[in-house]
C-alpha cells in the first residue's frame, strides 16, 4: 500500500503569532469625574484586569530619560471598572511597582519611574487589559474639558480618539468582548 502525501501549508511566523493572540479591542476609555481623569475598562472576563498610564513626552535617546508609568491591577468586582488615574485603586487592586526593562539596543535599559502627576504639554497613553488588550487612548490635559459628564474619550481605530457617549462606548466594548 502506498502512503499518500499531504501538502503542508507553511505560514510566516508573524502570521502564526497573530493568529494565537487576541486582537486589541476598544475596551478602555477616558472619562472625567469631578475634574479628574478616570480610566473606564470594560472587563470581558472575570479574570484579573489592569489599567496603565504612560507619559509620552520623551525627548532624546532611550536611556537618557525615564519612562513614567502608573499601573494597577486586580480582580474586577464588576463588568465595568472605573479608576481615578493616579488615585487610590479599587478594593483588591494594587498599584504596580515600576520595573526597569531592556531597551531597544543591547546594553541599554529603560529606567521606569512611577508616574505621580499629569502635566500640561505632555501626551499620555491610557491602556489596559482584561484578557484582550485594549486599544490605547492618547490624551493631554487639554482634552479633559471637552469630555462631558456622560461622555468618554474612546479610541477610534488605533491612531485617533473621539468623544462619544458613555453608553455608546459601553455598548461597543461589550460587543467586542
Protein backbone atom coordinates (compact mmCIF):
# COMPACT_ATOMS: atom_id res chain seq x y z
CA UNK A 1 0.00 0.00 0.00
CA UNK A 2 1.37 3.34 -1.00
CA UNK A 3 1.35 6.22 1.50
CA UNK A 4 -0.49 9.30 0.44
CA UNK A 5 1.40 12.54 0.86
CA UNK A 6 -0.39 15.59 2.10
CA UNK A 7 0.87 19.03 1.27
CA UNK A 8 1.74 21.31 4.20
CA UNK A 9 1.00 24.97 4.10
CA UNK A 10 3.69 26.98 5.83
CA UNK A 11 2.68 30.32 7.25
CA UNK A 12 5.14 33.08 8.02
CA UNK A 13 5.99 33.29 11.73
CA UNK A 14 4.34 36.72 12.28
CA UNK A 15 1.09 35.38 10.86
CA UNK A 16 1.23 32.40 13.19
CA UNK A 17 1.85 34.63 16.20
CA UNK A 18 -1.00 36.98 15.43
CA UNK A 19 -3.36 34.08 14.93
CA UNK A 20 -2.70 32.97 18.51
CA UNK A 21 -3.05 36.25 20.35
CA UNK A 22 -6.35 38.10 20.56
CA UNK A 23 -6.52 41.42 18.73
CA UNK A 24 -6.63 44.63 20.71
CA UNK A 25 -10.18 45.78 21.40
CA UNK A 26 -11.80 49.17 22.21
CA UNK A 27 -12.43 48.26 25.87
CA UNK A 28 -10.80 51.24 27.62
CA UNK A 29 -11.76 54.92 27.57
CA UNK A 30 -11.09 58.13 29.47
CA UNK A 31 -13.82 59.83 31.47
CA UNK A 32 -13.75 62.89 33.73
CA UNK A 33 -15.34 62.90 37.19
CA UNK A 34 -15.07 65.92 39.48
CA UNK A 35 -12.42 67.35 37.14
CA UNK A 36 -10.18 64.29 37.47
CA UNK A 37 -9.32 61.82 34.69
CA UNK A 38 -10.83 58.36 35.15
CA UNK A 39 -9.95 55.19 33.27
CA UNK A 40 -13.01 53.16 32.27
CA UNK A 41 -12.34 49.50 31.47
CA UNK A 42 -14.93 47.00 30.28
CA UNK A 43 -13.81 43.64 31.62
CA UNK A 44 -14.51 40.87 29.19
CA UNK A 45 -13.96 38.03 31.64
CA UNK A 46 -13.82 37.50 35.40
CA UNK A 47 -10.02 37.32 35.24
CA UNK A 48 -7.61 39.88 36.59
CA UNK A 49 -7.58 43.17 34.77
CA UNK A 50 -5.25 46.14 34.69
CA UNK A 51 -5.16 49.79 33.72
CA UNK A 52 -1.94 51.60 32.75
CA UNK A 53 -0.98 55.21 32.03
CA UNK A 54 2.30 56.21 30.36
CA UNK A 55 3.82 59.62 29.76
CA UNK A 56 4.75 60.07 26.09
CA UNK A 57 6.80 63.27 26.09
CA UNK A 58 10.17 61.54 25.77
CA UNK A 59 12.92 63.75 24.46
CA UNK A 60 16.35 62.47 23.39
CA UNK A 61 17.75 58.97 23.25
CA UNK A 62 16.46 55.85 25.07
CA UNK A 63 18.09 55.51 28.45
CA UNK A 64 18.55 59.28 28.87
CA UNK A 65 15.07 59.92 30.24
CA UNK A 66 12.96 57.61 32.37
CA UNK A 67 9.64 56.20 31.26
CA UNK A 68 6.96 57.43 33.65
CA UNK A 69 4.24 54.85 34.19
CA UNK A 70 1.34 54.20 36.58
CA UNK A 71 -0.21 50.76 36.53
CA UNK A 72 -2.76 49.00 38.70
CA UNK A 73 -4.30 45.58 38.53
CA UNK A 74 -6.57 43.17 40.29
CA UNK A 75 -9.77 41.19 40.13
CA UNK A 76 -12.68 43.19 38.70
CA UNK A 77 -15.63 43.49 41.08
CA UNK A 78 -17.96 44.28 38.18
CA UNK A 79 -18.08 44.27 34.40
CA UNK A 80 -17.11 47.95 34.21
CA UNK A 81 -14.19 49.17 36.31
CA UNK A 82 -13.66 52.90 36.79
CA UNK A 83 -10.39 54.10 38.30
CA UNK A 84 -9.30 57.65 39.04
CA UNK A 85 -5.93 57.88 37.32
CA UNK A 86 -3.03 58.20 39.75
CA UNK A 87 -5.52 57.82 42.62
CA UNK A 88 -6.48 55.07 45.01
CA UNK A 89 -7.03 51.71 43.31
CA UNK A 90 -10.34 49.87 43.70
CA UNK A 91 -10.60 47.43 46.59
CA UNK A 92 -8.49 44.34 45.92
CA UNK A 93 -6.39 46.12 43.27
CA UNK A 94 -2.78 47.21 43.77
CA UNK A 95 -0.51 49.82 42.23
CA UNK A 96 2.33 48.00 40.47
CA UNK A 97 5.90 48.92 41.34
CA UNK A 98 7.80 50.26 38.32
CA UNK A 99 10.29 47.75 36.89
CA UNK A 100 13.14 48.65 34.52
CA UNK A 101 13.31 46.64 31.29
CA UNK A 102 15.77 46.11 28.41
CA UNK A 103 15.81 48.87 25.84
CA UNK A 104 15.80 48.65 22.05
CA UNK A 105 19.61 48.33 21.93
CA UNK A 106 21.81 45.79 23.70
CA UNK A 107 23.16 47.10 27.00
CA UNK A 108 20.58 49.89 27.25
CA UNK A 109 17.96 49.63 29.98
CA UNK A 110 14.81 51.70 30.15
CA UNK A 111 14.53 53.32 33.56
CA UNK A 112 10.88 53.16 34.66
CA UNK A 113 9.61 55.51 37.36
CA UNK A 114 6.21 55.90 38.97
CA UNK A 115 4.00 58.49 37.26
CA UNK A 116 2.66 60.70 40.07
CA UNK A 117 1.17 63.66 38.21
CA UNK A 118 -0.21 64.63 34.81
CA UNK A 119 1.45 67.77 33.43
CA UNK A 120 0.42 70.27 30.76
CA UNK A 121 2.23 69.90 27.45
CA UNK A 122 2.66 66.14 27.70
CA UNK A 123 0.75 63.40 25.93
CA UNK A 124 -0.32 60.37 27.93
CA UNK A 125 -1.41 56.92 26.85
CA UNK A 126 -4.15 55.06 28.70
CA UNK A 127 -4.44 51.34 28.10
CA UNK A 128 -5.39 48.19 29.91
CA UNK A 129 -6.43 44.61 29.57
CA UNK A 130 -8.98 42.07 30.68
CA UNK A 131 -7.86 39.10 28.59
CA UNK A 132 -7.89 41.03 25.34
CA UNK A 133 -5.56 44.01 25.35
CA UNK A 134 -7.20 47.38 24.92
CA UNK A 135 -6.68 49.75 22.04
CA UNK A 136 -4.93 52.62 23.80
CA UNK A 137 -6.23 56.15 24.18
CA UNK A 138 -3.81 59.07 23.86
CA UNK A 139 -4.75 62.27 25.69
CA UNK A 140 -3.44 65.53 27.12
CA UNK A 141 -4.73 67.63 29.98
CA UNK A 142 -6.25 69.94 27.33
CA UNK A 143 -8.59 67.08 26.32
CA UNK A 144 -10.24 66.83 29.74
CA UNK A 145 -12.56 69.89 29.48
CA UNK A 146 -14.11 68.61 26.23
CA UNK A 147 -15.28 65.35 27.87
CA UNK A 148 -18.79 65.88 29.26
CA UNK A 149 -20.34 64.21 32.32
CA UNK A 150 -21.88 61.32 30.35
CA UNK A 151 -19.11 61.07 27.77
CA UNK A 152 -15.74 59.39 27.34
CA UNK A 153 -12.71 59.83 25.11
CA UNK A 154 -12.57 56.50 23.28
CA UNK A 155 -10.32 55.00 20.62
CA UNK A 156 -11.36 55.44 17.00
CA UNK A 157 -9.13 52.84 15.42
CA UNK A 158 -5.50 52.64 16.52
CA UNK A 159 -4.42 56.17 15.67
CA UNK A 160 -7.13 58.53 16.83
CA UNK A 161 -9.72 59.18 19.50
CA UNK A 162 -13.23 60.56 19.65
CA UNK A 163 -15.58 61.83 22.33
CA UNK A 164 -18.67 59.60 22.50
CA UNK A 165 -21.45 58.98 24.96
CA UNK A 166 -20.57 56.62 27.79
CA UNK A 167 -23.39 54.30 26.69
CA UNK A 168 -22.11 54.14 23.10
CA UNK A 169 -18.64 53.22 24.36
CA UNK A 170 -20.00 50.56 26.74
CA UNK A 171 -22.19 49.01 24.03
CA UNK A 172 -19.30 48.87 21.53
CA UNK A 173 -16.88 47.46 24.12
CA UNK A 174 -19.35 44.76 25.21
CA UNK A 175 -19.85 43.73 21.58
CA UNK A 176 -16.08 43.36 21.13
CA UNK A 177 -15.62 41.16 24.23
